[in-house]
Amino acid sequence: MLRALRATTVATSLAIALTCIAASATGQPASVGGTKPRIVNGQGTEAGQFPFVVALVDAETFEQEGAFDAQFCAGSLTTPTTIVTAAHCVVDDQTGRQAEASSMLVAIAENLKGANIRMVRVSAIAVHPDYDSEMVTNDVAVLTLAEAVNDVPIIMPMRPSDIADYLLPGAPVFVVGWGNQSLTGNSYPEAIRAGALVVFPDGACGRNEPYKIG
């Protein structure tokens, strides 16, 4: 299922920004639930700029082709043993089937073709109980790692009640990951990239299907 997701995952996982003040881009450009990709390319990042952003990797494809070809989404390291990602990264929107923890790995690396890629197994996956793939609401999942990652800086999660000041309309945010660099083809970067965005008002977002906000 995860390999197929490479062709069906939306280009951004901005839901992560709501809990971590960091947006993790997925690696894939196509649409989910009727949404359309709006973010491509981005800019190169400095070494160590986003150490908490990790790549989600299909385990079977990794064994055959390596991390670059196996990457399908990204996530944020919020504790030494937990990754916050998008629910659509681990749930098949056509069948509603959740991926098995053993089917994926977490790659801790800025360059997915680099020599120093650290792979960590996933022991459990928890999807938000109210995740709605059609409306793209509550699009959040938490991965539990099989071993603690104690030597990588984490990004502290925040409660929704605490983040209002960070998400005011016009506030700067970043989308980060290994997403497509082309609107018309497939051009994925080896190294992590970032795109600078601004927060839009709920009303403006709500006028664009399939999101229903407010």
N, C-alpha and C. Protein backbone atom coordinates (compact mmCIF):
# COMPACT_ATOMS: atom_id res chain seq x y z
N MET A 1 0.81 -1.21 0.00
CA MET A 1 0.00 0.00 0.00
C MET A 1 0.85 1.26 0.00
N LEU A 2 1.94 1.26 0.78
CA LEU A 2 2.74 2.46 0.89
C LEU A 2 3.42 2.81 -0.41
N ARG A 3 3.81 1.80 -1.17
CA ARG A 3 4.43 2.05 -2.47
C ARG A 3 3.44 2.74 -3.39
N ALA A 4 2.18 2.30 -3.37
CA ALA A 4 1.16 2.92 -4.20
C ALA A 4 0.90 4.34 -3.77
N LEU A 5 1.10 4.61 -2.50
CA LEU A 5 0.85 5.95 -1.97
C LEU A 5 1.75 6.99 -2.62
N ARG A 6 2.89 6.56 -3.13
CA ARG A 6 3.82 7.50 -3.76
C ARG A 6 3.17 8.24 -4.90
N ALA A 7 2.17 7.67 -5.53
CA ALA A 7 1.49 8.31 -6.65
C ALA A 7 0.17 8.94 -6.26
N THR A 8 -0.19 8.86 -4.98
CA THR A 8 -1.52 9.34 -4.61
C THR A 8 -1.54 10.26 -3.41
N THR A 9 -0.38 10.73 -2.99
CA THR A 9 -0.33 11.56 -1.79
C THR A 9 -0.18 13.03 -2.14
N VAL A 10 -0.93 13.88 -1.46
CA VAL A 10 -0.87 15.31 -1.72
C VAL A 10 0.49 15.85 -1.34
N ALA A 11 0.87 16.96 -1.95
CA ALA A 11 2.24 17.44 -1.81
C ALA A 11 2.56 18.06 -0.48
N THR A 12 1.58 18.34 0.35
CA THR A 12 1.88 18.95 1.63
C THR A 12 1.10 18.32 2.75
N SER A 13 1.73 18.27 3.92
CA SER A 13 1.08 17.77 5.13
C SER A 13 1.00 18.91 6.13
N LEU A 14 0.28 19.95 5.78
CA LEU A 14 0.25 21.14 6.60
C LEU A 14 -0.45 20.93 7.93
N ALA A 15 -1.20 19.84 8.07
CA ALA A 15 -1.84 19.58 9.35
C ALA A 15 -0.83 19.48 10.47
N ILE A 16 0.37 19.05 10.15
CA ILE A 16 1.41 18.93 11.17
C ILE A 16 1.73 20.29 11.76
N ALA A 17 1.58 21.34 10.99
CA ALA A 17 1.88 22.68 11.49
C ALA A 17 0.99 23.04 12.66
N LEU A 18 -0.20 22.48 12.72
CA LEU A 18 -1.14 22.84 13.77
C LEU A 18 -0.72 22.31 15.13
N THR A 19 0.09 21.27 15.17
CA THR A 19 0.52 20.72 16.44
C THR A 19 1.99 20.91 16.73
N CYS A 20 2.78 21.18 15.73
CA CYS A 20 4.23 21.24 15.92
C CYS A 20 4.84 22.56 15.46
N ILE A 21 4.05 23.46 14.91
CA ILE A 21 4.58 24.68 14.32
C ILE A 21 5.68 24.35 13.33
N ALA A 22 5.47 23.30 12.59
CA ALA A 22 6.36 22.92 11.49
C ALA A 22 5.54 22.12 10.52
N ALA A 23 5.68 22.41 9.24
CA ALA A 23 4.90 21.68 8.24
C ALA A 23 5.81 20.72 7.52
N SER A 24 5.46 19.46 7.51
CA SER A 24 6.29 18.44 6.87
C SER A 24 5.71 18.07 5.52
N ALA A 25 6.44 18.35 4.48
CA ALA A 25 5.94 18.03 3.15
C ALA A 25 6.11 16.55 2.87
N THR A 26 5.15 15.99 2.20
CA THR A 26 5.32 14.62 1.75
C THR A 26 6.18 14.62 0.51
N GLY A 27 6.57 13.46 0.08
CA GLY A 27 7.44 13.37 -1.08
C GLY A 27 6.69 13.32 -2.39
N GLN A 28 5.37 13.36 -2.39
CA GLN A 28 4.64 13.05 -3.61
C GLN A 28 3.72 14.18 -4.06
N PRO A 29 3.44 14.28 -5.37
CA PRO A 29 2.77 15.45 -5.89
C PRO A 29 1.29 15.30 -6.19
N ALA A 30 0.73 14.12 -6.21
CA ALA A 30 -0.63 13.96 -6.72
C ALA A 30 -1.66 14.31 -5.67
N SER A 31 -2.94 14.10 -6.00
CA SER A 31 -4.01 14.59 -5.15
C SER A 31 -4.56 13.52 -4.23
N VAL A 32 -5.15 13.99 -3.12
CA VAL A 32 -5.83 13.12 -2.17
C VAL A 32 -7.18 13.73 -1.87
N GLY A 33 -8.23 12.93 -1.91
CA GLY A 33 -9.55 13.41 -1.54
C GLY A 33 -10.03 14.59 -2.35
N GLY A 34 -9.54 14.75 -3.57
CA GLY A 34 -9.99 15.85 -4.41
C GLY A 34 -9.13 17.08 -4.29
N THR A 35 -8.16 17.10 -3.37
CA THR A 35 -7.29 18.26 -3.27
C THR A 35 -6.30 18.27 -4.42
N LYS A 36 -5.70 19.42 -4.66
CA LYS A 36 -4.73 19.56 -5.73
C LYS A 36 -3.44 20.12 -5.17
N PRO A 37 -2.30 19.69 -5.67
CA PRO A 37 -1.03 20.18 -5.15
C PRO A 37 -0.85 21.66 -5.44
N ARG A 38 -0.32 22.37 -4.47
CA ARG A 38 -0.12 23.80 -4.64
C ARG A 38 1.31 24.21 -4.34
N ILE A 39 2.10 23.31 -3.80
CA ILE A 39 3.45 23.66 -3.40
C ILE A 39 4.44 22.74 -4.10
N VAL A 40 5.35 23.33 -4.85
CA VAL A 40 6.41 22.55 -5.48
C VAL A 40 7.72 23.32 -5.31
N ASN A 41 8.80 22.62 -5.56
CA ASN A 41 10.13 23.20 -5.62
C ASN A 41 10.69 23.56 -4.25
N GLY A 42 10.43 24.74 -3.71
CA GLY A 42 11.03 25.15 -2.46
C GLY A 42 12.47 25.58 -2.66
N GLN A 43 13.20 25.69 -1.55
CA GLN A 43 14.58 26.13 -1.57
C GLN A 43 15.45 25.15 -0.80
N GLY A 44 16.73 25.15 -1.10
CA GLY A 44 17.66 24.33 -0.34
C GLY A 44 17.73 24.80 1.11
N THR A 45 18.10 23.91 2.00
CA THR A 45 18.18 24.25 3.42
C THR A 45 19.62 24.15 3.90
N GLU A 46 19.90 24.82 5.00
CA GLU A 46 21.22 24.73 5.61
C GLU A 46 21.34 23.44 6.42
N ALA A 47 22.53 22.93 6.53
CA ALA A 47 22.75 21.71 7.31
C ALA A 47 22.27 21.90 8.74
N GLY A 48 21.43 20.99 9.21
CA GLY A 48 20.93 21.07 10.57
C GLY A 48 19.80 22.04 10.79
N GLN A 49 19.26 22.64 9.73
CA GLN A 49 18.20 23.64 9.90
C GLN A 49 16.90 23.00 10.37
N PHE A 50 16.59 21.81 9.89
CA PHE A 50 15.36 21.12 10.28
C PHE A 50 15.69 19.68 10.70
N PRO A 51 16.43 19.51 11.78
CA PRO A 51 16.88 18.16 12.16
C PRO A 51 15.75 17.24 12.58
N PHE A 52 14.63 17.81 12.99
CA PHE A 52 13.50 17.02 13.49
C PHE A 52 12.62 16.47 12.37
N VAL A 53 12.84 16.89 11.13
CA VAL A 53 12.04 16.39 10.01
C VAL A 53 12.65 15.09 9.50
N VAL A 54 11.81 14.06 9.42
CA VAL A 54 12.28 12.74 9.00
C VAL A 54 11.48 12.27 7.80
N ALA A 55 12.03 11.31 7.09
CA ALA A 55 11.34 10.73 5.93
C ALA A 55 10.70 9.40 6.32
N LEU A 56 9.47 9.18 5.86
CA LEU A 56 8.82 7.89 6.02
C LEU A 56 9.12 7.07 4.78
N VAL A 57 9.53 5.84 4.99
CA VAL A 57 10.07 5.01 3.93
C VAL A 57 9.35 3.66 3.90
N ASP A 58 8.97 3.22 2.72
CA ASP A 58 8.38 1.90 2.55
C ASP A 58 9.47 0.85 2.75
N ALA A 59 9.26 -0.06 3.70
CA ALA A 59 10.31 -1.00 4.08
C ALA A 59 10.72 -1.93 2.94
N GLU A 60 9.76 -2.45 2.21
CA GLU A 60 10.08 -3.39 1.13
C GLU A 60 10.85 -2.71 0.01
N THR A 61 10.41 -1.51 -0.37
CA THR A 61 11.09 -0.78 -1.44
C THR A 61 12.49 -0.36 -1.00
N PHE A 62 12.64 -0.02 0.27
CA PHE A 62 13.95 0.36 0.79
C PHE A 62 14.96 -0.76 0.61
N GLU A 63 14.55 -1.99 0.89
CA GLU A 63 15.46 -3.13 0.75
C GLU A 63 15.92 -3.32 -0.69
N GLN A 64 15.05 -2.97 -1.63
CA GLN A 64 15.36 -3.20 -3.04
C GLN A 64 16.02 -2.01 -3.71
N GLU A 65 15.61 -0.79 -3.33
CA GLU A 65 16.02 0.39 -4.09
C GLU A 65 16.63 1.51 -3.27
N GLY A 66 16.58 1.42 -1.94
CA GLY A 66 17.15 2.47 -1.12
C GLY A 66 16.14 3.50 -0.66
N ALA A 67 16.58 4.39 0.22
CA ALA A 67 15.69 5.35 0.87
C ALA A 67 15.09 6.36 -0.10
N PHE A 68 15.86 6.81 -1.08
CA PHE A 68 15.37 7.84 -1.99
C PHE A 68 14.11 7.38 -2.73
N ASP A 69 14.15 6.19 -3.29
CA ASP A 69 13.00 5.68 -4.04
C ASP A 69 11.89 5.18 -3.13
N ALA A 70 12.20 4.87 -1.88
CA ALA A 70 11.21 4.31 -0.97
C ALA A 70 10.47 5.37 -0.17
N GLN A 71 10.96 6.61 -0.18
CA GLN A 71 10.34 7.67 0.62
C GLN A 71 8.97 8.03 0.07
N PHE A 72 7.98 8.19 0.96
CA PHE A 72 6.64 8.53 0.50
C PHE A 72 5.99 9.65 1.29
N CYS A 73 6.50 10.00 2.44
CA CYS A 73 5.95 11.08 3.26
C CYS A 73 7.03 11.57 4.20
N ALA A 74 6.70 12.57 4.99
CA ALA A 74 7.63 13.09 5.99
C ALA A 74 6.90 13.23 7.31
N GLY A 75 7.65 13.47 8.36
CA GLY A 75 7.07 13.65 9.68
C GLY A 75 7.99 14.46 10.56
N SER A 76 7.51 14.76 11.76
CA SER A 76 8.29 15.56 12.71
C SER A 76 8.56 14.75 13.97
N LEU A 77 9.81 14.73 14.40
CA LEU A 77 10.20 14.06 15.64
C LEU A 77 9.80 14.94 16.82
N THR A 78 8.80 14.51 17.60
CA THR A 78 8.29 15.34 18.69
C THR A 78 8.73 14.85 20.06
N THR A 79 9.15 13.61 20.16
CA THR A 79 9.84 13.07 21.34
C THR A 79 10.86 12.08 20.79
N PRO A 80 11.76 11.56 21.60
CA PRO A 80 12.72 10.59 21.07
C PRO A 80 12.09 9.33 20.49
N THR A 81 10.82 9.08 20.79
CA THR A 81 10.19 7.85 20.28
C THR A 81 8.90 8.10 19.50
N THR A 82 8.56 9.35 19.20
CA THR A 82 7.32 9.60 18.47
C THR A 82 7.52 10.53 17.28
N ILE A 83 6.82 10.21 16.21
CA ILE A 83 6.80 11.01 14.99
C ILE A 83 5.37 11.45 14.73
N VAL A 84 5.15 12.73 14.49
CA VAL A 84 3.85 13.23 14.06
C VAL A 84 3.87 13.37 12.55
N THR A 85 2.88 12.81 11.89
CA THR A 85 2.78 12.90 10.44
C THR A 85 1.31 13.09 10.07
N ALA A 86 1.02 13.02 8.79
CA ALA A 86 -0.36 13.14 8.33
C ALA A 86 -1.02 11.77 8.28
N ALA A 87 -2.30 11.71 8.65
CA ALA A 87 -3.02 10.44 8.61
C ALA A 87 -3.08 9.87 7.20
N HIS A 88 -3.18 10.76 6.19
CA HIS A 88 -3.28 10.24 4.82
C HIS A 88 -2.00 9.54 4.37
N CYS A 89 -0.93 9.71 5.13
CA CYS A 89 0.31 9.00 4.81
C CYS A 89 0.26 7.53 5.21
N VAL A 90 -0.61 7.19 6.15
CA VAL A 90 -0.63 5.83 6.68
C VAL A 90 -1.98 5.14 6.52
N VAL A 91 -2.93 5.81 5.88
CA VAL A 91 -4.26 5.23 5.65
C VAL A 91 -4.56 5.27 4.16
N ASP A 92 -4.98 4.15 3.61
CA ASP A 92 -5.40 4.08 2.21
C ASP A 92 -6.78 4.73 2.11
N ASP A 93 -6.86 5.86 1.42
CA ASP A 93 -8.12 6.59 1.35
C ASP A 93 -9.18 5.86 0.55
N GLN A 94 -8.78 4.92 -0.28
CA GLN A 94 -9.75 4.16 -1.06
C GLN A 94 -10.40 3.05 -0.23
N THR A 95 -9.62 2.40 0.60
CA THR A 95 -10.12 1.26 1.37
C THR A 95 -10.30 1.57 2.85
N GLY A 96 -9.67 2.65 3.33
CA GLY A 96 -9.71 2.96 4.76
C GLY A 96 -8.77 2.10 5.58
N ARG A 97 -7.97 1.30 4.91
CA ARG A 97 -7.07 0.38 5.60
C ARG A 97 -5.83 1.11 6.10
N GLN A 98 -5.51 0.88 7.36
CA GLN A 98 -4.32 1.48 7.94
C GLN A 98 -3.09 0.62 7.69
N ALA A 99 -1.98 1.26 7.41
CA ALA A 99 -0.74 0.53 7.15
C ALA A 99 -0.27 -0.20 8.40
N GLU A 100 0.42 -1.30 8.20
CA GLU A 100 1.06 -2.02 9.29
C GLU A 100 2.35 -1.30 9.68
N ALA A 101 2.62 -1.25 10.96
CA ALA A 101 3.84 -0.59 11.42
C ALA A 101 5.08 -1.22 10.80
N SER A 102 5.05 -2.52 10.59
CA SER A 102 6.21 -3.21 10.03
C SER A 102 6.45 -2.89 8.56
N SER A 103 5.49 -2.23 7.91
CA SER A 103 5.63 -1.94 6.48
C SER A 103 6.42 -0.68 6.21
N MET A 104 6.78 0.05 7.26
CA MET A 104 7.49 1.31 7.05
C MET A 104 8.68 1.45 7.98
N LEU A 105 9.58 2.32 7.57
CA LEU A 105 10.74 2.70 8.36
C LEU A 105 10.80 4.22 8.42
N VAL A 106 11.56 4.73 9.35
CA VAL A 106 11.81 6.17 9.44
C VAL A 106 13.28 6.41 9.10
N ALA A 107 13.51 7.30 8.14
CA ALA A 107 14.87 7.65 7.74
C ALA A 107 15.24 8.99 8.35
N ILE A 108 16.28 8.99 9.14
CA ILE A 108 16.78 10.23 9.75
C ILE A 108 17.98 10.67 8.94
N ALA A 109 17.76 11.62 8.08
CA ALA A 109 18.81 12.09 7.17
C ALA A 109 18.31 13.31 6.44
N GLU A 110 19.21 14.19 6.07
CA GLU A 110 18.84 15.33 5.24
C GLU A 110 18.90 14.97 3.76
N ASN A 111 19.81 14.08 3.42
CA ASN A 111 19.98 13.64 2.03
C ASN A 111 19.65 12.15 1.94
N LEU A 112 18.64 11.82 1.15
CA LEU A 112 18.17 10.44 1.08
C LEU A 112 19.06 9.55 0.22
N LYS A 113 20.08 10.13 -0.39
CA LYS A 113 21.09 9.34 -1.09
C LYS A 113 22.46 9.48 -0.44
N GLY A 114 22.47 10.07 0.76
CA GLY A 114 23.72 10.27 1.46
C GLY A 114 24.24 9.00 2.11
N ALA A 115 25.44 9.10 2.65
CA ALA A 115 26.09 7.93 3.24
C ALA A 115 25.71 7.72 4.70
N ASN A 116 25.13 8.73 5.33
CA ASN A 116 24.87 8.65 6.77
C ASN A 116 23.38 8.62 7.08
N ILE A 117 22.65 7.75 6.42
CA ILE A 117 21.22 7.62 6.66
C ILE A 117 20.99 6.65 7.82
N ARG A 118 20.23 7.10 8.79
CA ARG A 118 19.90 6.25 9.94
C ARG A 118 18.46 5.76 9.80
N MET A 119 18.27 4.45 9.81
CA MET A 119 16.94 3.87 9.65
C MET A 119 16.45 3.34 11.00
N VAL A 120 15.19 3.68 11.32
CA VAL A 120 14.59 3.25 12.58
C VAL A 120 13.26 2.57 12.29
N ARG A 121 13.01 1.45 12.92
CA ARG A 121 11.76 0.74 12.72
C ARG A 121 10.61 1.42 13.47
N VAL A 122 9.41 1.21 12.96
CA VAL A 122 8.18 1.73 13.58
C VAL A 122 7.49 0.58 14.30
N SER A 123 7.11 0.80 15.56
CA SER A 123 6.48 -0.27 16.33
C SER A 123 4.97 -0.13 16.42
N ALA A 124 4.44 1.08 16.22
CA ALA A 124 2.99 1.27 16.32
C ALA A 124 2.58 2.52 15.57
N ILE A 125 1.33 2.53 15.10
CA ILE A 125 0.75 3.67 14.40
C ILE A 125 -0.59 4.00 15.02
N ALA A 126 -0.81 5.25 15.38
CA ALA A 126 -2.09 5.70 15.91
C ALA A 126 -2.62 6.83 15.04
N VAL A 127 -3.80 6.63 14.47
CA VAL A 127 -4.44 7.63 13.61
C VAL A 127 -5.52 8.36 14.40
N HIS A 128 -5.65 9.65 14.18
CA HIS A 128 -6.69 10.42 14.85
C HIS A 128 -8.03 9.72 14.64
N PRO A 129 -8.79 9.47 15.72
CA PRO A 129 -10.05 8.72 15.57
C PRO A 129 -11.09 9.40 14.70
N ASP A 130 -10.97 10.72 14.53
CA ASP A 130 -11.95 11.46 13.73
C ASP A 130 -11.38 11.88 12.38
N TYR A 131 -10.33 11.23 11.93
CA TYR A 131 -9.78 11.54 10.61
C TYR A 131 -10.82 11.28 9.53
N ASP A 132 -11.00 12.28 8.66
CA ASP A 132 -11.94 12.17 7.54
C ASP A 132 -11.17 12.42 6.26
N SER A 133 -10.97 11.37 5.47
CA SER A 133 -10.16 11.50 4.27
C SER A 133 -10.84 12.34 3.20
N GLU A 134 -12.17 12.34 3.16
CA GLU A 134 -12.88 13.11 2.15
C GLU A 134 -12.81 14.60 2.43
N MET A 135 -13.01 14.97 3.69
CA MET A 135 -12.98 16.37 4.07
C MET A 135 -11.56 16.83 4.45
N VAL A 136 -10.65 15.89 4.57
CA VAL A 136 -9.27 16.16 4.97
C VAL A 136 -9.24 16.91 6.30
N THR A 137 -9.95 16.37 7.28
CA THR A 137 -9.96 16.94 8.62
C THR A 137 -9.31 15.96 9.59
N ASN A 138 -8.74 16.52 10.66
CA ASN A 138 -8.04 15.70 11.66
C ASN A 138 -7.01 14.78 11.00
N ASP A 139 -6.30 15.33 10.03
CA ASP A 139 -5.34 14.57 9.22
C ASP A 139 -4.02 14.44 9.96
N VAL A 140 -4.05 13.70 11.06
CA VAL A 140 -2.88 13.58 11.93
C VAL A 140 -2.72 12.12 12.37
N ALA A 141 -1.50 11.66 12.39
CA ALA A 141 -1.18 10.33 12.91
C ALA A 141 0.12 10.41 13.71
N VAL A 142 0.27 9.50 14.64
CA VAL A 142 1.48 9.44 15.47
C VAL A 142 2.11 8.06 15.30
N LEU A 143 3.39 8.05 14.99
CA LEU A 143 4.15 6.81 14.88
C LEU A 143 5.00 6.64 16.13
N THR A 144 5.01 5.44 16.68
CA THR A 144 5.89 5.12 17.80
C THR A 144 7.09 4.35 17.26
N LEU A 145 8.28 4.82 17.60
CA LEU A 145 9.50 4.19 17.11
C LEU A 145 9.89 2.99 17.98
N ALA A 146 10.53 2.03 17.36
CA ALA A 146 10.94 0.83 18.07
C ALA A 146 12.14 1.09 18.97
N GLU A 147 12.84 2.17 18.74
CA GLU A 147 13.98 2.55 19.58
C GLU A 147 14.03 4.05 19.70
N ALA A 148 14.55 4.54 20.81
CA ALA A 148 14.61 5.97 21.05
C ALA A 148 15.71 6.62 20.23
N VAL A 149 15.41 7.81 19.73
CA VAL A 149 16.39 8.62 19.00
C VAL A 149 16.76 9.78 19.92
N ASN A 150 17.81 9.60 20.68
CA ASN A 150 18.15 10.57 21.72
C ASN A 150 19.16 11.62 21.28
N ASP A 151 19.73 11.46 20.10
CA ASP A 151 20.80 12.36 19.68
C ASP A 151 20.36 13.31 18.57
N VAL A 152 19.05 13.43 18.34
CA VAL A 152 18.52 14.33 17.32
C VAL A 152 17.58 15.32 17.98
N PRO A 153 17.75 16.63 17.75
CA PRO A 153 16.84 17.61 18.34
C PRO A 153 15.40 17.35 17.92
N ILE A 154 14.47 17.53 18.86
CA ILE A 154 13.05 17.36 18.57
C ILE A 154 12.40 18.72 18.43
N ILE A 155 11.17 18.73 17.92
CA ILE A 155 10.37 19.94 17.91
C ILE A 155 9.22 19.71 18.88
N MET A 156 9.03 20.61 19.81
CA MET A 156 8.05 20.41 20.87
C MET A 156 6.64 20.58 20.34
N PRO A 157 5.76 19.62 20.59
CA PRO A 157 4.36 19.77 20.18
C PRO A 157 3.66 20.81 21.05
N MET A 158 2.60 21.39 20.51
CA MET A 158 1.83 22.38 21.23
C MET A 158 0.36 22.01 21.20
N ARG A 159 -0.36 22.38 22.26
CA ARG A 159 -1.80 22.17 22.29
C ARG A 159 -2.47 23.19 21.37
N PRO A 160 -3.60 22.80 20.75
CA PRO A 160 -4.30 23.76 19.87
C PRO A 160 -4.60 25.08 20.56
N SER A 161 -4.87 25.05 21.86
CA SER A 161 -5.21 26.28 22.58
C SER A 161 -4.01 27.21 22.72
N ASP A 162 -2.82 26.70 22.48
CA ASP A 162 -1.61 27.50 22.67
C ASP A 162 -1.03 28.08 21.39
N ILE A 163 -1.61 27.72 20.26
CA ILE A 163 -0.92 28.07 19.01
C ILE A 163 -1.57 29.22 18.25
N ALA A 164 -2.61 29.83 18.81
CA ALA A 164 -3.34 30.88 18.08
C ALA A 164 -2.41 31.99 17.61
N ASP A 165 -1.50 32.42 18.47
CA ASP A 165 -0.61 33.53 18.11
C ASP A 165 0.35 33.16 16.99
N TYR A 166 0.63 31.87 16.85
CA TYR A 166 1.55 31.43 15.81
C TYR A 166 0.88 31.28 14.46
N LEU A 167 -0.46 31.17 14.46
CA LEU A 167 -1.18 30.90 13.22
C LEU A 167 -2.14 32.02 12.85
N LEU A 168 -1.82 33.23 13.22
CA LEU A 168 -2.62 34.37 12.79
C LEU A 168 -2.48 34.56 11.29
N PRO A 169 -3.54 35.02 10.60
CA PRO A 169 -3.43 35.27 9.16
C PRO A 169 -2.22 36.14 8.83
N GLY A 170 -1.44 35.69 7.88
CA GLY A 170 -0.24 36.41 7.48
C GLY A 170 1.02 35.95 8.19
N ALA A 171 0.89 35.11 9.20
CA ALA A 171 2.07 34.63 9.93
C ALA A 171 2.93 33.75 9.02
N PRO A 172 4.24 33.86 9.10
CA PRO A 172 5.11 33.03 8.25
C PRO A 172 5.21 31.61 8.78
N VAL A 173 5.16 30.64 7.89
CA VAL A 173 5.35 29.23 8.23
C VAL A 173 6.20 28.59 7.14
N PHE A 174 6.68 27.40 7.40
CA PHE A 174 7.48 26.66 6.43
C PHE A 174 6.84 25.30 6.15
N VAL A 175 6.93 24.88 4.91
CA VAL A 175 6.63 23.50 4.55
C VAL A 175 7.96 22.85 4.19
N VAL A 176 8.22 21.68 4.75
CA VAL A 176 9.55 21.09 4.67
C VAL A 176 9.47 19.63 4.25
N GLY A 177 10.37 19.20 3.38
CA GLY A 177 10.40 17.79 3.02
C GLY A 177 11.11 17.54 1.70
N TRP A 178 10.74 16.43 1.08
CA TRP A 178 11.39 15.98 -0.16
C TRP A 178 10.37 15.94 -1.29
N GLY A 179 9.50 16.95 -1.37
CA GLY A 179 8.42 16.96 -2.35
C GLY A 179 8.89 17.25 -3.76
N ASN A 180 7.97 17.05 -4.69
CA ASN A 180 8.24 17.24 -6.11
C ASN A 180 8.69 18.66 -6.41
N GLN A 181 9.63 18.81 -7.32
CA GLN A 181 10.11 20.12 -7.73
C GLN A 181 9.52 20.56 -9.07
N SER A 182 8.58 19.80 -9.59
CA SER A 182 8.01 20.10 -10.90
C SER A 182 6.49 20.02 -10.85
N LEU A 183 5.82 20.94 -11.53
CA LEU A 183 4.37 20.91 -11.63
C LEU A 183 3.90 19.90 -12.66
N THR A 184 4.74 19.59 -13.62
CA THR A 184 4.30 18.77 -14.76
C THR A 184 4.95 17.39 -14.82
N GLY A 185 5.97 17.14 -14.02
CA GLY A 185 6.64 15.85 -14.08
C GLY A 185 7.07 15.40 -12.71
N ASN A 186 8.01 14.48 -12.67
CA ASN A 186 8.53 13.96 -11.41
C ASN A 186 10.00 14.33 -11.27
N SER A 187 10.27 15.22 -10.33
CA SER A 187 11.63 15.66 -10.09
C SER A 187 11.82 15.83 -8.59
N TYR A 188 12.20 14.75 -7.94
CA TYR A 188 12.32 14.75 -6.49
C TYR A 188 13.75 15.02 -6.05
N PRO A 189 13.94 15.85 -5.03
CA PRO A 189 15.29 16.18 -4.58
C PRO A 189 15.88 15.09 -3.70
N GLU A 190 17.18 14.97 -3.72
CA GLU A 190 17.86 14.05 -2.80
C GLU A 190 17.91 14.65 -1.40
N ALA A 191 18.12 15.96 -1.32
CA ALA A 191 18.25 16.64 -0.03
C ALA A 191 16.97 17.38 0.33
N ILE A 192 16.73 17.50 1.60
CA ILE A 192 15.53 18.15 2.11
C ILE A 192 15.46 19.60 1.65
N ARG A 193 14.25 20.07 1.35
CA ARG A 193 14.04 21.44 0.92
C ARG A 193 12.93 22.06 1.76
N ALA A 194 12.82 23.39 1.68
CA ALA A 194 11.81 24.10 2.46
C ALA A 194 11.17 25.18 1.60
N GLY A 195 9.91 25.44 1.86
CA GLY A 195 9.19 26.51 1.19
C GLY A 195 8.58 27.45 2.21
N ALA A 196 8.76 28.75 2.02
CA ALA A 196 8.20 29.75 2.93
C ALA A 196 6.77 30.08 2.50
N LEU A 197 5.84 30.02 3.44
CA LEU A 197 4.43 30.31 3.19
C LEU A 197 3.92 31.29 4.22
N VAL A 198 2.68 31.72 4.05
CA VAL A 198 2.00 32.52 5.06
C VAL A 198 0.66 31.86 5.37
N VAL A 199 0.17 32.08 6.58
CA VAL A 199 -1.11 31.51 7.01
C VAL A 199 -2.25 32.29 6.36
N PHE A 200 -3.21 31.56 5.78
CA PHE A 200 -4.40 32.16 5.20
C PHE A 200 -5.54 32.14 6.22
N PRO A 201 -6.45 33.11 6.17
CA PRO A 201 -7.61 33.09 7.07
C PRO A 201 -8.47 31.86 6.83
N ASP A 202 -9.15 31.38 7.88
CA ASP A 202 -10.02 30.22 7.74
C ASP A 202 -11.06 30.41 6.65
N GLY A 203 -11.61 31.61 6.56
CA GLY A 203 -12.65 31.87 5.56
C GLY A 203 -12.15 31.66 4.15
N ALA A 204 -10.91 32.12 3.89
CA ALA A 204 -10.34 31.95 2.56
C ALA A 204 -10.10 30.48 2.25
N CYS A 205 -9.62 29.74 3.24
CA CYS A 205 -9.40 28.30 3.03
C CYS A 205 -10.72 27.57 2.84
N GLY A 206 -11.75 27.99 3.57
CA GLY A 206 -13.04 27.33 3.50
C GLY A 206 -13.74 27.48 2.17
N ARG A 207 -13.32 28.45 1.38
CA ARG A 207 -13.95 28.63 0.06
C ARG A 207 -13.37 27.68 -0.98
N ASN A 208 -12.35 26.93 -0.62
CA ASN A 208 -11.71 26.00 -1.55
C ASN A 208 -12.02 24.58 -1.14
N GLU A 209 -12.73 23.86 -1.99
CA GLU A 209 -13.06 22.46 -1.72
C GLU A 209 -11.77 21.63 -1.65
N PRO A 210 -11.75 20.53 -0.85
CA PRO A 210 -12.85 20.00 -0.08
C PRO A 210 -12.88 20.50 1.35
N TYR A 211 -12.10 21.53 1.68
CA TYR A 211 -12.01 21.96 3.06
C TYR A 211 -13.26 22.72 3.48
N LYS A 212 -13.77 22.41 4.66
CA LYS A 212 -14.92 23.08 5.23
C LYS A 212 -14.52 23.61 6.59
N ILE A 213 -14.13 24.85 6.64
CA ILE A 213 -13.62 25.44 7.87
C ILE A 213 -14.57 26.54 8.32
N GLY A 214 -14.94 26.50 9.58
CA GLY A 214 -15.79 27.54 10.13
C GLY A 214 -17.25 27.36 9.80
